[in-house]
Amino acid sequence: MPTTTRRRDTPPPRTGRNETETLRGFLDYLRTSIAAKVAGAPEPQVRTAAVPSGTNLLGLLTHLTFVERSMFLGDNVTDWQATFRAAPTDTVADVVARYRRTVERANEVLDGCTDLGAPIPRPGRAAPSVRWALAHMIEETGRHAGHADILRELIDGAAGR
């Protein structure tokens, strides 16, 4: 097992003037945390399954990119299991950059959403409320960020947010 090296922890956001700022603050905090956890992870371990389910660090961020695109950009995903696999030609930098670009685009959509009770704008698809979408993305990103914490520590001992 690798020796654990701790990064300086980033504390949770101190936002909260209103519900929207609180939800978006926590989502952005988790997004930043998981991107940082994947960035710089070594090949080939970043795509090597460390658990029987086949979960790997690069696959987690690839999956979250698809979830963001589906939730906020209206993309239709037909095979969710396939989203847990990065393309063999993708580098760590490619996957992290793609995720960050997707988050930027998702935030542009969210910037136009002033009513948390209104449906998220997804043309041609049924849409949950902005509140539900934010809460779901906090749950989804937080869950996978926890998986990423464990996988990264198993790979090279890196720990912390």
Protein backbone atom coordinates (compact mmCIF):
# COMPACT_ATOMS: atom_id res chain seq x y z
CA MET A 1 0.00 0.00 0.00
CA PRO A 2 1.36 3.46 -0.88
CA THR A 3 2.41 5.90 1.81
CA THR A 4 -0.33 8.45 2.43
CA THR A 5 0.50 12.02 1.45
CA ARG A 6 -1.98 14.64 2.58
CA ARG A 7 -2.95 17.66 0.53
CA ARG A 8 -4.14 20.76 2.29
CA ASP A 9 -7.87 20.32 2.81
CA THR A 10 -10.19 22.85 1.27
CA PRO A 11 -13.06 23.61 3.65
CA PRO A 12 -16.70 23.53 2.51
CA PRO A 13 -18.03 26.81 1.10
CA ARG A 14 -19.25 29.54 3.38
CA THR A 15 -22.00 30.63 1.01
CA GLY A 16 -25.56 30.87 2.09
CA ARG A 17 -27.22 34.21 1.59
CA ASN A 18 -30.00 32.25 -0.09
CA GLU A 19 -30.91 28.73 -1.14
CA THR A 20 -29.53 29.08 -4.67
CA GLU A 21 -26.12 30.27 -3.48
CA THR A 22 -25.95 27.48 -0.94
CA LEU A 23 -26.81 24.74 -3.42
CA ARG A 24 -24.56 26.05 -6.17
CA GLY A 25 -21.74 26.69 -3.70
CA PHE A 26 -21.75 23.10 -2.47
CA LEU A 27 -22.03 21.69 -6.00
CA ASP A 28 -19.09 23.78 -7.24
CA TYR A 29 -17.08 22.77 -4.16
CA LEU A 30 -17.63 19.08 -4.94
CA ARG A 31 -16.93 19.58 -8.65
CA THR A 32 -13.62 21.24 -7.84
CA SER A 33 -12.75 18.52 -5.32
CA ILE A 34 -13.25 15.59 -7.71
CA ALA A 35 -11.46 17.28 -10.62
CA ALA A 36 -8.48 17.95 -8.34
CA LYS A 37 -8.55 14.35 -7.12
CA VAL A 38 -8.27 13.04 -10.70
CA ALA A 39 -5.83 15.66 -12.02
CA GLY A 40 -2.27 14.39 -11.97
CA ALA A 41 -3.18 10.78 -11.19
CA PRO A 42 -0.66 8.41 -12.80
CA GLU A 43 -1.25 6.16 -15.79
CA PRO A 44 -2.15 3.32 -16.03
CA GLN A 45 -3.42 3.19 -12.44
CA VAL A 46 -5.92 6.01 -13.08
CA ARG A 47 -7.87 3.66 -15.35
CA THR A 48 -7.19 0.42 -13.48
CA ALA A 49 -10.04 -1.04 -11.44
CA ALA A 50 -9.20 -1.21 -7.76
CA VAL A 51 -12.50 -2.84 -6.75
CA PRO A 52 -14.48 -5.79 -8.13
CA SER A 53 -17.12 -3.50 -9.71
CA GLY A 54 -14.50 -2.23 -12.14
CA THR A 55 -14.69 1.34 -10.88
CA ASN A 56 -11.64 3.44 -11.70
CA LEU A 57 -10.70 7.05 -11.15
CA LEU A 58 -10.80 8.18 -14.79
CA GLY A 59 -14.12 6.41 -15.32
CA LEU A 60 -15.71 8.25 -12.39
CA LEU A 61 -14.92 11.66 -13.88
CA THR A 62 -16.01 10.54 -17.33
CA HIS A 63 -19.31 9.41 -15.84
CA LEU A 64 -19.83 12.70 -14.01
CA THR A 65 -19.21 14.58 -17.28
CA PHE A 66 -22.07 12.61 -18.86
CA VAL A 67 -24.32 13.23 -15.86
CA GLU A 68 -23.68 16.99 -16.00
CA ARG A 69 -24.35 17.02 -19.75
CA SER A 70 -27.55 15.05 -19.33
CA MET A 71 -28.88 17.07 -16.41
CA PHE A 72 -27.99 20.59 -17.48
CA LEU A 73 -27.27 20.48 -21.22
CA GLY A 74 -30.04 18.11 -22.29
CA ASP A 75 -27.88 15.29 -23.70
CA ASN A 76 -29.62 11.94 -23.92
CA VAL A 77 -27.62 9.03 -22.48
CA THR A 78 -28.79 5.57 -23.52
CA ASP A 79 -26.15 3.42 -21.77
CA TRP A 80 -25.20 4.72 -18.34
CA GLN A 81 -22.83 1.81 -17.65
CA ALA A 82 -20.76 2.80 -20.68
CA THR A 83 -20.25 6.27 -19.20
CA PHE A 84 -17.99 4.80 -16.54
CA ARG A 85 -15.27 4.07 -19.12
CA ALA A 86 -12.90 6.64 -20.55
CA ALA A 87 -11.77 6.15 -24.14
CA PRO A 88 -8.40 4.39 -24.37
CA THR A 89 -6.95 7.44 -26.12
CA ASP A 90 -8.11 9.88 -23.41
CA THR A 91 -5.40 11.22 -21.14
CA VAL A 92 -6.01 12.36 -17.58
CA ALA A 93 -5.63 15.96 -18.77
CA ASP A 94 -8.22 15.37 -21.55
CA VAL A 95 -10.81 13.97 -19.14
CA VAL A 96 -10.27 16.69 -16.52
CA ALA A 97 -10.43 19.46 -19.15
CA ARG A 98 -13.60 17.99 -20.67
CA TYR A 99 -15.23 17.83 -17.24
CA ARG A 100 -14.26 21.41 -16.43
CA ARG A 101 -15.60 22.67 -19.81
CA THR A 102 -18.86 20.81 -19.20
CA VAL A 103 -19.17 22.34 -15.73
CA GLU A 104 -18.63 25.81 -17.23
CA ARG A 105 -21.40 25.21 -19.76
CA ALA A 106 -23.70 23.80 -17.08
CA ASN A 107 -23.07 26.88 -14.92
CA GLU A 108 -23.99 29.12 -17.87
CA VAL A 109 -27.35 27.33 -18.02
CA LEU A 110 -27.77 27.64 -14.25
CA ASP A 111 -26.93 31.35 -14.38
CA GLY A 112 -30.15 31.81 -16.36
CA CYS A 113 -32.26 29.88 -13.85
CA THR A 114 -33.70 32.32 -11.31
CA ASP A 115 -36.57 30.16 -9.99
CA LEU A 116 -35.54 26.98 -8.17
CA GLY A 117 -39.05 25.60 -8.64
CA ALA A 118 -39.02 26.01 -12.42
CA PRO A 119 -37.95 23.14 -14.67
CA ILE A 120 -34.34 23.06 -15.79
CA PRO A 121 -34.29 24.14 -19.46
CA ARG A 122 -33.88 20.90 -21.45
CA PRO A 123 -35.52 21.28 -24.86
CA GLY A 124 -37.41 18.21 -26.01
CA ARG A 125 -37.05 16.34 -22.71
CA ALA A 126 -38.98 16.18 -19.48
CA ALA A 127 -37.14 18.21 -16.88
CA PRO A 128 -36.98 18.24 -13.09
CA SER A 129 -36.99 21.48 -11.15
CA VAL A 130 -33.74 23.40 -10.85
CA ARG A 131 -33.81 22.66 -7.08
CA TRP A 132 -34.10 18.91 -7.68
CA ALA A 133 -31.38 19.00 -10.35
CA LEU A 134 -28.97 20.82 -8.02
CA ALA A 135 -29.73 18.51 -5.08
CA HIS A 136 -29.28 15.44 -7.29
CA MET A 137 -25.98 16.70 -8.68
CA ILE A 138 -24.70 17.42 -5.16
CA GLU A 139 -25.59 13.85 -4.17
CA GLU A 140 -24.16 12.31 -7.36
CA THR A 141 -20.94 14.32 -7.33
CA GLY A 142 -20.45 13.86 -3.57
CA ARG A 143 -20.94 10.11 -3.82
CA HIS A 144 -18.40 9.75 -6.60
CA ALA A 145 -15.98 12.22 -4.99
CA GLY A 146 -15.92 9.87 -1.98
CA HIS A 147 -15.16 6.95 -4.27
CA ALA A 148 -12.42 9.02 -5.91
CA ASP A 149 -10.87 9.82 -2.51
CA ILE A 150 -10.46 6.13 -1.77
CA LEU A 151 -9.26 5.17 -5.26
CA ARG A 152 -6.66 7.94 -5.40
CA GLU A 153 -5.30 7.02 -1.99
CA LEU A 154 -4.99 3.38 -3.13
CA ILE A 155 -3.15 4.49 -6.29
CA ASP A 156 -0.47 6.77 -4.90
CA GLY A 157 -1.31 7.64 -1.31
CA ALA A 158 -2.70 11.11 -2.14
CA ALA A 159 -5.34 12.08 0.43
CA GLY A 160 -7.27 15.22 1.28
CA ARG A 161 -9.54 17.55 -0.66
